[in-house]
C-alpha atoms as a PDB file:
ATOM      1  CA  UNK A   1     113.937  92.257 140.389  1.00  0.00           C
ATOM      2  CA  UNK A   2     113.175  95.006 137.904  1.00  0.00           C
ATOM      3  CA  UNK A   3     116.161  97.137 138.983  1.00  0.00           C
ATOM      4  CA  UNK A   4     116.309 100.309 136.960  1.00  0.00           C
ATOM      5  CA  UNK A   5     114.491  98.825 134.003  1.00  0.00           C
ATOM      6  CA  UNK A   6     111.731 101.158 132.772  1.00  0.00           C
ATOM      7  CA  UNK A   7     108.138 100.052 132.916  1.00  0.00           C
ATOM      8  CA  UNK A   8     106.983  98.616 129.598  1.00  0.00           C
ATOM      9  CA  UNK A   9     104.124 101.106 129.357  1.00  0.00           C
ATOM     10  CA  UNK A  10     106.645 103.947 129.626  1.00  0.00           C
ATOM     11  CA  UNK A  11     108.814 102.343 126.944  1.00  0.00           C
ATOM     12  CA  UNK A  12     105.821 102.173 124.630  1.00  0.00           C
ATOM     13  CA  UNK A  13     104.905 105.795 125.300  1.00  0.00           C
ATOM     14  CA  UNK A  14     108.446 107.031 124.717  1.00  0.00           C
ATOM     15  CA  UNK A  15     108.879 104.935 121.580  1.00  0.00           C
ATOM     16  CA  UNK A  16     105.629 106.232 120.142  1.00  0.00           C
ATOM     17  CA  UNK A  17     106.652 109.808 120.927  1.00  0.00           C
ATOM     18  CA  UNK A  18     109.944 109.364 119.074  1.00  0.00           C
ATOM     19  CA  UNK A  19     108.174 107.901 116.058  1.00  0.00           C
ATOM     20  CA  UNK A  20     105.561 110.643 116.037  1.00  0.00           C
ATOM     21  CA  UNK A  21     108.280 113.292 116.103  1.00  0.00           C
ATOM     22  CA  UNK A  22     109.848 111.602 113.054  1.00  0.00           C
ATOM     23  CA  UNK A  23     106.565 111.858 111.136  1.00  0.00           C
ATOM     24  CA  UNK A  24     105.420 108.246 111.387  1.00  0.00           C
ATOM     25  CA  UNK A  25     101.684 108.055 110.693  1.00  0.00           C
ATOM     26  CA  UNK A  26     100.717 105.348 113.209  1.00  0.00           C
ATOM     27  CA  UNK A  27     103.282 105.772 115.998  1.00  0.00           C
ATOM     28  CA  UNK A  28     101.481 103.804 118.720  1.00  0.00           C
ATOM     29  CA  UNK A  29     100.901 100.759 116.542  1.00  0.00           C
ATOM     30  CA  UNK A  30     104.457 100.839 115.230  1.00  0.00           C
ATOM     31  CA  UNK A  31     105.821 101.288 118.750  1.00  0.00           C
ATOM     32  CA  UNK A  32     104.156  98.046 119.790  1.00  0.00           C
ATOM     33  CA  UNK A  33     105.566  96.256 116.754  1.00  0.00           C
ATOM     34  CA  UNK A  34     109.076  97.536 117.415  1.00  0.00           C
ATOM     35  CA  UNK A  35     108.922  96.476 121.048  1.00  0.00           C
ATOM     36  CA  UNK A  36     107.676  93.020 120.052  1.00  0.00           C
ATOM     37  CA  UNK A  37     110.477  92.768 117.486  1.00  0.00           C
ATOM     38  CA  UNK A  38     113.090  93.766 120.055  1.00  0.00           C
ATOM     39  CA  UNK A  39     111.810  91.281 122.609  1.00  0.00           C
ATOM     40  CA  UNK A  40     111.081  88.552 120.068  1.00  0.00           C
ATOM     41  CA  UNK A  41     107.491  88.010 121.112  1.00  0.00           C
ATOM     42  CA  UNK A  42     103.954  88.195 119.798  1.00  0.00           C
ATOM     43  CA  UNK A  43     101.828  91.256 120.546  1.00  0.00           C
ATOM     44  CA  UNK A  44      99.680  89.282 122.987  1.00  0.00           C
ATOM     45  CA  UNK A  45     102.754  88.582 125.126  1.00  0.00           C
ATOM     46  CA  UNK A  46     103.130  92.279 125.967  1.00  0.00           C
ATOM     47  CA  UNK A  47     100.131  91.996 128.281  1.00  0.00           C
ATOM     48  CA  UNK A  48     102.080  89.715 130.593  1.00  0.00           C
ATOM     49  CA  UNK A  49     105.208  91.890 130.776  1.00  0.00           C
ATOM     50  CA  UNK A  50     105.757  94.711 133.243  1.00  0.00           C
ATOM     51  CA  UNK A  51     109.226  95.762 132.116  1.00  0.00           C
ATOM     52  CA  UNK A  52     111.323  95.681 128.972  1.00  0.00           C
ATOM     53  CA  UNK A  53     113.798  92.804 129.209  1.00  0.00           C
ATOM     54  CA  UNK A  54     117.283  94.194 129.699  1.00  0.00           C
ATOM     55  CA  UNK A  55     118.739  92.418 126.687  1.00  0.00           C
ATOM     56  CA  UNK A  56     116.035  93.897 124.421  1.00  0.00           C
ATOM     57  CA  UNK A  57     116.913  97.535 125.120  1.00  0.00           C
ATOM     58  CA  UNK A  58     119.862  97.872 122.677  1.00  0.00           C
ATOM     59  CA  UNK A  59     117.918  96.193 119.906  1.00  0.00           C
ATOM     60  CA  UNK A  60     114.927  98.453 120.483  1.00  0.00           C
ATOM     61  CA  UNK A  61     117.115 101.556 120.447  1.00  0.00           C
ATOM     62  CA  UNK A  62     118.603 100.438 117.131  1.00  0.00           C
ATOM     63  CA  UNK A  63     115.143  99.807 115.688  1.00  0.00           C
ATOM     64  CA  UNK A  64     113.844 103.203 116.781  1.00  0.00           C
ATOM     65  CA  UNK A  65     116.852 104.925 115.257  1.00  0.00           C
ATOM     66  CA  UNK A  66     116.331 103.143 111.939  1.00  0.00           C
ATOM     67  CA  UNK A  67     112.601 103.845 111.830  1.00  0.00           C
ATOM     68  CA  UNK A  68     113.159 107.524 112.598  1.00  0.00           C
ATOM     69  CA  UNK A  69     115.230 107.728 109.410  1.00  0.00           C
ATOM     70  CA  UNK A  70     112.084 106.403 107.679  1.00  0.00           C
ATOM     71  CA  UNK A  71     113.484 102.964 107.027  1.00  0.00           C
ATOM     72  CA  UNK A  72     110.391 100.794 106.499  1.00  0.00           C
ATOM     73  CA  UNK A  73     109.286  98.854 109.544  1.00  0.00           C
ATOM     74  CA  UNK A  74     109.083  95.640 107.519  1.00  0.00           C
ATOM     75  CA  UNK A  75     112.759  95.956 106.574  1.00  0.00           C
ATOM     76  CA  UNK A  76     113.652  96.388 110.241  1.00  0.00           C
ATOM     77  CA  UNK A  77     111.585  93.365 111.204  1.00  0.00           C
ATOM     78  CA  UNK A  78     112.874  91.432 108.195  1.00  0.00           C
ATOM     79  CA  UNK A  79     109.485  90.087 107.218  1.00  0.00           C
ATOM     80  CA  UNK A  80     105.992  91.021 106.115  1.00  0.00           C
ATOM     81  CA  UNK A  81     102.648  89.264 106.027  1.00  0.00           C
ATOM     82  CA  UNK A  82     100.839  88.740 102.719  1.00  0.00           C
ATOM     83  CA  UNK A  83      97.592  86.833 102.220  1.00  0.00           C
ATOM     84  CA  UNK A  84      98.010  83.882 104.616  1.00  0.00           C
ATOM     85  CA  UNK A  85     101.812  83.803 104.316  1.00  0.00           C
ATOM     86  CA  UNK A  86     104.748  85.314 106.167  1.00  0.00           C
ATOM     87  CA  UNK A  87     107.528  86.384 103.809  1.00  0.00           C
ATOM     88  CA  UNK A  88     111.110  87.465 104.301  1.00  0.00           C
ATOM     89  CA  UNK A  89     111.845  90.909 102.856  1.00  0.00           C
ATOM     90  CA  UNK A  90     114.944  92.819 101.846  1.00  0.00           C
ATOM     91  CA  UNK A  91     115.990  95.984 100.054  1.00  0.00           C
ATOM     92  CA  UNK A  92     116.228  93.967  96.820  1.00  0.00           C
ATOM     93  CA  UNK A  93     112.449  93.993  96.373  1.00  0.00           C
ATOM     94  CA  UNK A  94     109.287  95.915  97.038  1.00  0.00           C
ATOM     95  CA  UNK A  95     107.666  95.197 100.381  1.00  0.00           C
ATOM     96  CA  UNK A  96     104.429  93.228  99.910  1.00  0.00           C
ATOM     97  CA  UNK A  97     101.372  95.428 100.376  1.00  0.00           C
ATOM     98  CA  UNK A  98      97.825  94.587 101.273  1.00  0.00           C
ATOM     99  CA  UNK A  99      96.554  96.324  98.136  1.00  0.00           C
ATOM    100  CA  UNK A 100      98.250  93.642  96.037  1.00  0.00           C
ATOM    101  CA  UNK A 101      96.071  90.980  97.656  1.00  0.00           C
ATOM    102  CA  UNK A 102      93.329  92.355  95.381  1.00  0.00           C
ATOM    103  CA  UNK A 103      94.924  90.393  92.524  1.00  0.00           C
ATOM    104  CA  UNK A 104      94.554  87.125  94.430  1.00  0.00           C
ATOM    105  CA  UNK A 105      90.936  87.974  95.257  1.00  0.00           C
ATOM    106  CA  UNK A 106      90.264  88.627  91.562  1.00  0.00           C
ATOM    107  CA  UNK A 107      91.900  85.362  90.533  1.00  0.00           C
ATOM    108  CA  UNK A 108      89.810  83.366  93.007  1.00  0.00           C
ATOM    109  CA  UNK A 109      86.662  85.130  91.806  1.00  0.00           C
ATOM    110  CA  UNK A 110      87.308  84.328  88.143  1.00  0.00           C
ATOM    111  CA  UNK A 111      88.723  80.833  88.672  1.00  0.00           C
ATOM    112  CA  UNK A 112      86.769  79.444  91.660  1.00  0.00           C
ATOM    113  CA  UNK A 113      87.417  75.827  90.643  1.00  0.00           C
ATOM    114  CA  UNK A 114      90.726  75.084  92.361  1.00  0.00           C
ATOM    115  CA  UNK A 115      91.456  72.392  89.726  1.00  0.00           C
ATOM    116  CA  UNK A 116      91.161  74.835  86.824  1.00  0.00           C
ATOM    117  CA  UNK A 117      94.577  76.443  87.353  1.00  0.00           C
ATOM    118  CA  UNK A 118      97.572  74.210  86.776  1.00  0.00           C
ATOM    119  CA  UNK A 119     100.291  76.704  85.788  1.00  0.00           C
ATOM    120  CA  UNK A 120     100.996  80.253  86.937  1.00  0.00           C
ATOM    121  CA  UNK A 121     103.575  82.797  85.796  1.00  0.00           C
ATOM    122  CA  UNK A 122     104.490  85.793  87.975  1.00  0.00           C
ATOM    123  CA  UNK A 123     106.406  88.537  86.158  1.00  0.00           C
ATOM    124  CA  UNK A 124     108.430  90.848  88.393  1.00  0.00           C
ATOM    125  CA  UNK A 125     107.975  88.444  91.272  1.00  0.00           C
ATOM    126  CA  UNK A 126     109.922  90.361  93.956  1.00  0.00           C
ATOM    127  CA  UNK A 127     109.400  88.500  97.226  1.00  0.00           C
ATOM    128  CA  UNK A 128     107.304  85.936  95.374  1.00  0.00           C
ATOM    129  CA  UNK A 129     104.211  87.126  97.231  1.00  0.00           C
ATOM    130  CA  UNK A 130     101.705  86.899  94.358  1.00  0.00           C
ATOM    131  CA  UNK A 131     102.895  83.560  93.040  1.00  0.00           C
ATOM    132  CA  UNK A 132     103.161  81.945  96.458  1.00  0.00           C
ATOM    133  CA  UNK A 133      99.758  83.234  97.554  1.00  0.00           C
ATOM    134  CA  UNK A 134      98.208  81.858  94.370  1.00  0.00           C
ATOM    135  CA  UNK A 135      99.936  78.498  94.806  1.00  0.00           C
ATOM    136  CA  UNK A 136      98.683  78.314  98.387  1.00  0.00           C
ATOM    137  CA  UNK A 137      95.133  78.463  96.987  1.00  0.00           C
ATOM    138  CA  UNK A 138      95.550  76.259  93.912  1.00  0.00           C
ATOM    139  CA  UNK A 139      97.028  73.081  95.292  1.00  0.00           C
ATOM    140  CA  UNK A 140      97.527  71.361  91.923  1.00  0.00           C
ATOM    141  CA  UNK A 141      99.305  74.280  90.275  1.00  0.00           C
ATOM    142  CA  UNK A 142     102.977  74.809  89.526  1.00  0.00           C
ATOM    143  CA  UNK A 143     104.389  78.304  89.243  1.00  0.00           C
ATOM    144  CA  UNK A 144     107.315  80.231  87.806  1.00  0.00           C
ATOM    145  CA  UNK A 145     108.410  83.610  89.109  1.00  0.00           C
ATOM    146  CA  UNK A 146     110.708  85.902  87.127  1.00  0.00           C
ATOM    147  CA  UNK A 147     112.580  88.947  88.365  1.00  0.00           C
ATOM    148  CA  UNK A 148     115.278  91.051  86.736  1.00  0.00           C
ATOM    149  CA  UNK A 149     117.344  91.067  89.955  1.00  0.00           C
ATOM    150  CA  UNK A 150     119.089  87.817  90.963  1.00  0.00           C
ATOM    151  CA  UNK A 151     118.847  88.870  94.635  1.00  0.00           C
ATOM    152  CA  UNK A 152     115.091  89.150  94.312  1.00  0.00           C
ATOM    153  CA  UNK A 153     114.762  85.745  92.667  1.00  0.00           C
ATOM    154  CA  UNK A 154     116.879  84.235  95.456  1.00  0.00           C
ATOM    155  CA  UNK A 155     114.697  85.859  98.111  1.00  0.00           C
ATOM    156  CA  UNK A 156     111.526  84.564  96.450  1.00  0.00           C
ATOM    157  CA  UNK A 157     113.047  81.090  96.335  1.00  0.00           C
ATOM    158  CA  UNK A 158     113.778  81.301 100.070  1.00  0.00           C
ATOM    159  CA  UNK A 159     110.193  82.391 100.708  1.00  0.00           C
ATOM    160  CA  UNK A 160     108.906  79.361  98.828  1.00  0.00           C
ATOM    161  CA  UNK A 161     110.942  77.160 101.189  1.00  0.00           C
ATOM    162  CA  UNK A 162     109.748  79.147 104.190  1.00  0.00           C
ATOM    163  CA  UNK A 163     106.115  78.511 103.258  1.00  0.00           C
ATOM    164  CA  UNK A 164     106.509  74.858 102.184  1.00  0.00           C
ATOM    165  CA  UNK A 165     105.806  75.676  98.530  1.00  0.00           C
ATOM    166  CA  UNK A 166     109.251  75.069  97.027  1.00  0.00           C
ATOM    167  CA  UNK A 167     108.222  71.806  95.363  1.00  0.00           C
ATOM    168  CA  UNK A 168     105.740  73.714  93.205  1.00  0.00           C
ATOM    169  CA  UNK A 169     107.634  76.911  92.467  1.00  0.00           C
ATOM    170  CA  UNK A 170     110.688  77.915  90.432  1.00  0.00           C
ATOM    171  CA  UNK A 171     112.265  81.357  90.326  1.00  0.00           C
ATOM    172  CA  UNK A 172     114.397  82.773  87.534  1.00  0.00           C
ATOM    173  CA  UNK A 173     116.438  85.927  87.087  1.00  0.00           C
ATOM    174  CA  UNK A 174     115.697  87.505  83.735  1.00  0.00           C
ATOM    175  CA  UNK A 175     113.790  90.133  81.777  1.00  0.00           C
ATOM    176  CA  UNK A 176     110.070  89.353  81.581  1.00  0.00           C
ATOM    177  CA  UNK A 177     109.543  86.449  79.129  1.00  0.00           C
ATOM    178  CA  UNK A 178     113.163  86.149  77.966  1.00  0.00           C
ATOM    179  CA  UNK A 179     113.987  82.871  79.744  1.00  0.00           C
ATOM    180  CA  UNK A 180     110.588  81.196  79.311  1.00  0.00           C
ATOM    181  CA  UNK A 181     108.935  78.572  77.158  1.00  0.00           C
ATOM    182  CA  UNK A 182     105.417  77.192  77.044  1.00  0.00           C
ATOM    183  CA  UNK A 183     102.074  78.616  78.064  1.00  0.00           C
ATOM    184  CA  UNK A 184     100.454  79.325  81.423  1.00  0.00           C
ATOM    185  CA  UNK A 185      96.884  79.236  82.685  1.00  0.00           C
ATOM    186  CA  UNK A 186      97.466  82.461  84.602  1.00  0.00           C
ATOM    187  CA  UNK A 187      99.944  85.283  84.117  1.00  0.00           C
ATOM    188  CA  UNK A 188     100.049  87.723  87.006  1.00  0.00           C
ATOM    189  CA  UNK A 189     102.202  90.803  87.374  1.00  0.00           C
ATOM    190  CA  UNK A 190     102.722  93.770  89.651  1.00  0.00           C
ATOM    191  CA  UNK A 191     105.125  95.624  87.349  1.00  0.00           C
ATOM    192  CA  UNK A 192     106.686  99.049  87.841  1.00  0.00           C
ATOM    193  CA  UNK A 193     104.050 101.697  87.142  1.00  0.00           C
ATOM    194  CA  UNK A 194     105.240 104.979  88.662  1.00  0.00           C
ATOM    195  CA  UNK A 195     105.930 107.865  86.277  1.00  0.00           C
ATOM    196  CA  UNK A 196     109.574 108.925  86.355  1.00  0.00           C
ATOM    197  CA  UNK A 197     108.651 112.468  87.336  1.00  0.00           C
ATOM    198  CA  UNK A 198     106.642 111.254  90.340  1.00  0.00           C
ATOM    199  CA  UNK A 199     109.454 109.357  92.069  1.00  0.00           C
ATOM    200  CA  UNK A 200     110.659 112.273  94.183  1.00  0.00           C
ATOM    201  CA  UNK A 201     107.161 112.846  95.523  1.00  0.00           C
ATOM    202  CA  UNK A 202     106.810 109.355  96.997  1.00  0.00           C
ATOM    203  CA  UNK A 203     106.993 108.700 100.727  1.00  0.00           C
ATOM    204  CA  UNK A 204     110.628 108.421 101.901  1.00  0.00           C
ATOM    205  CA  UNK A 205     110.022 104.821 102.971  1.00  0.00           C
ATOM    206  CA  UNK A 206     109.385 103.981  99.316  1.00  0.00           C
ATOM    207  CA  UNK A 207     111.579 106.499  97.504  1.00  0.00           C
ATOM    208  CA  UNK A 208     114.713 105.930  99.602  1.00  0.00           C
ATOM    209  CA  UNK A 209     114.456 102.279 100.591  1.00  0.00           C
ATOM    210  CA  UNK A 210     112.743 100.319  97.808  1.00  0.00           C
ATOM    211  CA  UNK A 211     114.400  99.642  94.429  1.00  0.00           C
ATOM    212  CA  UNK A 212     113.599 102.261  91.780  1.00  0.00           C
ATOM    213  CA  UNK A 213     113.726  99.595  89.051  1.00  0.00           C
ATOM    214  CA  UNK A 214     110.646  98.005  90.658  1.00  0.00           C
ATOM    215  CA  UNK A 215     108.815 101.332  90.883  1.00  0.00           C
ATOM    216  CA  UNK A 216     109.459 103.474  87.806  1.00  0.00           C
ATOM    217  CA  UNK A 217     108.328 102.616  84.266  1.00  0.00           C
ATOM    218  CA  UNK A 218     109.157 105.476  81.961  1.00  0.00           C
ATOM    219  CA  UNK A 219     107.722 108.932  81.570  1.00  0.00           C
ATOM    220  CA  UNK A 220     104.084 107.790  81.624  1.00  0.00           C
ATOM    221  CA  UNK A 221     104.436 104.774  83.923  1.00  0.00           C
ATOM    222  CA  UNK A 222     103.241 102.375  81.217  1.00  0.00           C
ATOM    223  CA  UNK A 223     106.480 100.993  79.757  1.00  0.00           C
ATOM    224  CA  UNK A 224     106.295  97.658  81.604  1.00  0.00           C
ATOM    225  CA  UNK A 225     102.674  97.105  80.568  1.00  0.00           C
ATOM    226  CA  UNK A 226     103.582  97.722  76.936  1.00  0.00           C
ATOM    227  CA  UNK A 227     106.410  95.175  77.062  1.00  0.00           C
ATOM    228  CA  UNK A 228     104.383  92.494  78.829  1.00  0.00           C
ATOM    229  CA  UNK A 229     101.212  92.938  76.780  1.00  0.00           C
ATOM    230  CA  UNK A 230     103.132  92.834  73.498  1.00  0.00           C
ATOM    231  CA  UNK A 231     104.381  89.304  74.269  1.00  0.00           C
ATOM    232  CA  UNK A 232     101.716  87.845  76.544  1.00  0.00           C
ATOM    233  CA  UNK A 233      99.622  86.192  73.792  1.00  0.00           C
ATOM    234  CA  UNK A 234     102.434  83.738  73.070  1.00  0.00           C
ATOM    235  CA  UNK A 235     102.707  82.637  76.709  1.00  0.00           C
ATOM    236  CA  UNK A 236      99.061  82.598  77.793  1.00  0.00           C
ATOM    237  CA  UNK A 237      96.966  79.455  77.359  1.00  0.00           C
ATOM    238  CA  UNK A 238      93.952  79.862  75.045  1.00  0.00           C
ATOM    239  CA  UNK A 239      91.533  80.153  77.965  1.00  0.00           C
ATOM    240  CA  UNK A 240      94.100  81.808  80.219  1.00  0.00           C
ATOM    241  CA  UNK A 241      93.873  84.843  82.453  1.00  0.00           C
ATOM    242  CA  UNK A 242      96.199  87.867  82.478  1.00  0.00           C
ATOM    243  CA  UNK A 243      96.086  89.898  85.716  1.00  0.00           C
ATOM    244  CA  UNK A 244      97.845  93.192  86.344  1.00  0.00           C
ATOM    245  CA  UNK A 245      98.218  95.410  89.352  1.00  0.00           C
ATOM    246  CA  UNK A 246      97.865  99.029  88.275  1.00  0.00           C
ATOM    247  CA  UNK A 247      98.399 102.443  89.807  1.00  0.00           C
ATOM    248  CA  UNK A 248      95.634 104.897  90.569  1.00  0.00           C
ATOM    249  CA  UNK A 249      94.046 106.238  87.391  1.00  0.00           C
ATOM    250  CA  UNK A 250      95.724 103.806  84.974  1.00  0.00           C
ATOM    251  CA  UNK A 251      92.667 101.662  84.271  1.00  0.00           C
ATOM    252  CA  UNK A 252      91.710 103.207  80.920  1.00  0.00           C
ATOM    253  CA  UNK A 253      95.233 103.364  79.495  1.00  0.00           C
ATOM    254  CA  UNK A 254      96.165  99.782  80.399  1.00  0.00           C
ATOM    255  CA  UNK A 255      92.808  98.467  79.161  1.00  0.00           C
ATOM    256  CA  UNK A 256      93.343 100.223  75.814  1.00  0.00           C
ATOM    257  CA  UNK A 257      96.855  98.799  75.468  1.00  0.00           C
ATOM    258  CA  UNK A 258      95.492  95.317  76.180  1.00  0.00           C
ATOM    259  CA  UNK A 259      92.594  95.679  73.735  1.00  0.00           C
ATOM    260  CA  UNK A 260      94.948  96.638  70.908  1.00  0.00           C
ATOM    261  CA  UNK A 261      96.931  93.441  71.587  1.00  0.00           C
ATOM    262  CA  UNK A 262      93.836  91.234  71.580  1.00  0.00           C
ATOM    263  CA  UNK A 263      92.799  91.103  75.223  1.00  0.00           C
ATOM    264  CA  UNK A 264      89.357  91.820  76.656  1.00  0.00           C
ATOM    265  CA  UNK A 265      88.828  93.187  80.158  1.00  0.00           C
ATOM    266  CA  UNK A 266      86.796  90.736  82.247  1.00  0.00           C
ATOM    267  CA  UNK A 267      87.133  92.306  85.684  1.00  0.00           C
ATOM    268  CA  UNK A 268      88.398  95.499  87.288  1.00  0.00           C
ATOM    269  CA  UNK A 269      88.627  95.051  91.043  1.00  0.00           C
ATOM    270  CA  UNK A 270      89.131  97.806  93.595  1.00  0.00           C
ATOM    271  CA  UNK A 271      91.247  97.546  96.739  1.00  0.00           C
ATOM    272  CA  UNK A 272      89.954  98.311 100.225  1.00  0.00           C
ATOM    273  CA  UNK A 273      90.524 102.013  99.574  1.00  0.00           C
ATOM    274  CA  UNK A 274      88.154 101.946  96.607  1.00  0.00           C
ATOM    275  CA  UNK A 275      90.948 102.363  94.042  1.00  0.00           C
ATOM    276  CA  UNK A 276      90.894 100.044  91.021  1.00  0.00           C
ATOM    277  CA  UNK A 277      93.964  97.901  91.649  1.00  0.00           C
ATOM    278  CA  UNK A 278      93.542  94.703  89.605  1.00  0.00           C
ATOM    279  CA  UNK A 279      92.722  94.423  85.905  1.00  0.00           C
ATOM    280  CA  UNK A 280      91.932  90.957  84.568  1.00  0.00           C
ATOM    281  CA  UNK A 281      92.016  90.097  80.869  1.00  0.00           C
ATOM    282  CA  UNK A 282      91.196  87.158  78.643  1.00  0.00           C
ATOM    283  CA  UNK A 283      91.800  86.719  74.924  1.00  0.00           C
ATOM    284  CA  UNK A 284      89.428  88.833  72.863  1.00  0.00           C
ATOM    285  CA  UNK A 285      87.303  87.345  70.097  1.00  0.00           C
ATOM    286  CA  UNK A 286      87.916  90.440  67.985  1.00  0.00           C
ATOM    287  CA  UNK A 287      91.483  91.645  68.571  1.00  0.00           C
ATOM    288  CA  UNK A 288      92.576  94.884  66.987  1.00  0.00           C
ATOM    289  CA  UNK A 289      95.113  94.643  64.171  1.00  0.00           C
ATOM    290  CA  UNK A 290      96.696  98.013  64.852  1.00  0.00           C
ATOM    291  CA  UNK A 291      99.234  96.987  67.481  1.00  0.00           C
ATOM    292  CA  UNK A 292     102.760  97.663  66.288  1.00  0.00           C
END
């Protein structure tokens, strides 16, 4: 008996209309995801349903209300996919983005031998997405993730357990290299890189719901790169690889900062949108002596 329950197709249409009115860019796709979240099913299961289950209606209404305030869909769902992993998310960290997978692609391109990477450091680890994705590919590697926020480090630790990688990953709360010793085969980082003056112009999903400390890096957006690059030589193995995510148009400035500190650019890799997203560096044979 369907009673007065609305047809599922009508629920999807009405949900999409509400999202479109709120300015959501892909309302039909997000409507399907919200309905699946409310029901607790995979997208393929919608094909076998004629009506929205009665107990899912309040949850769906709550989800629609949150999304119409521009709360990110991933925060409503509580999780986000990255590489081959599913990760828990929270307001303590940035939400993993597909563009960041470019760093993993670059790493695999430059270190195709899966035995060549034994230690990985992820600075500003957030959800742990970069470190855990790298560990999923390099089965003999151990990794350390560092984040300034204890809540973020705890979330990353939970994601390591969720993806059966906890035996090869440790997460620390601290400022960049402050709590570390030793050297690593790979240092990877998606640091803050937004200019302070650009914060207000970001999409409300980012500006209002993701932590500013993980977004903004000074007036020119380069403060985090300066801090990391200045210390990275001491923590990178002699034949190690330093990989950064960068913002649009930052390629030249970050490459120059790295060159001054003794690093040579070995690959600049673009994301699916054609924007250079990953810069990969190795130690230079002729480092500049002017870094101060």
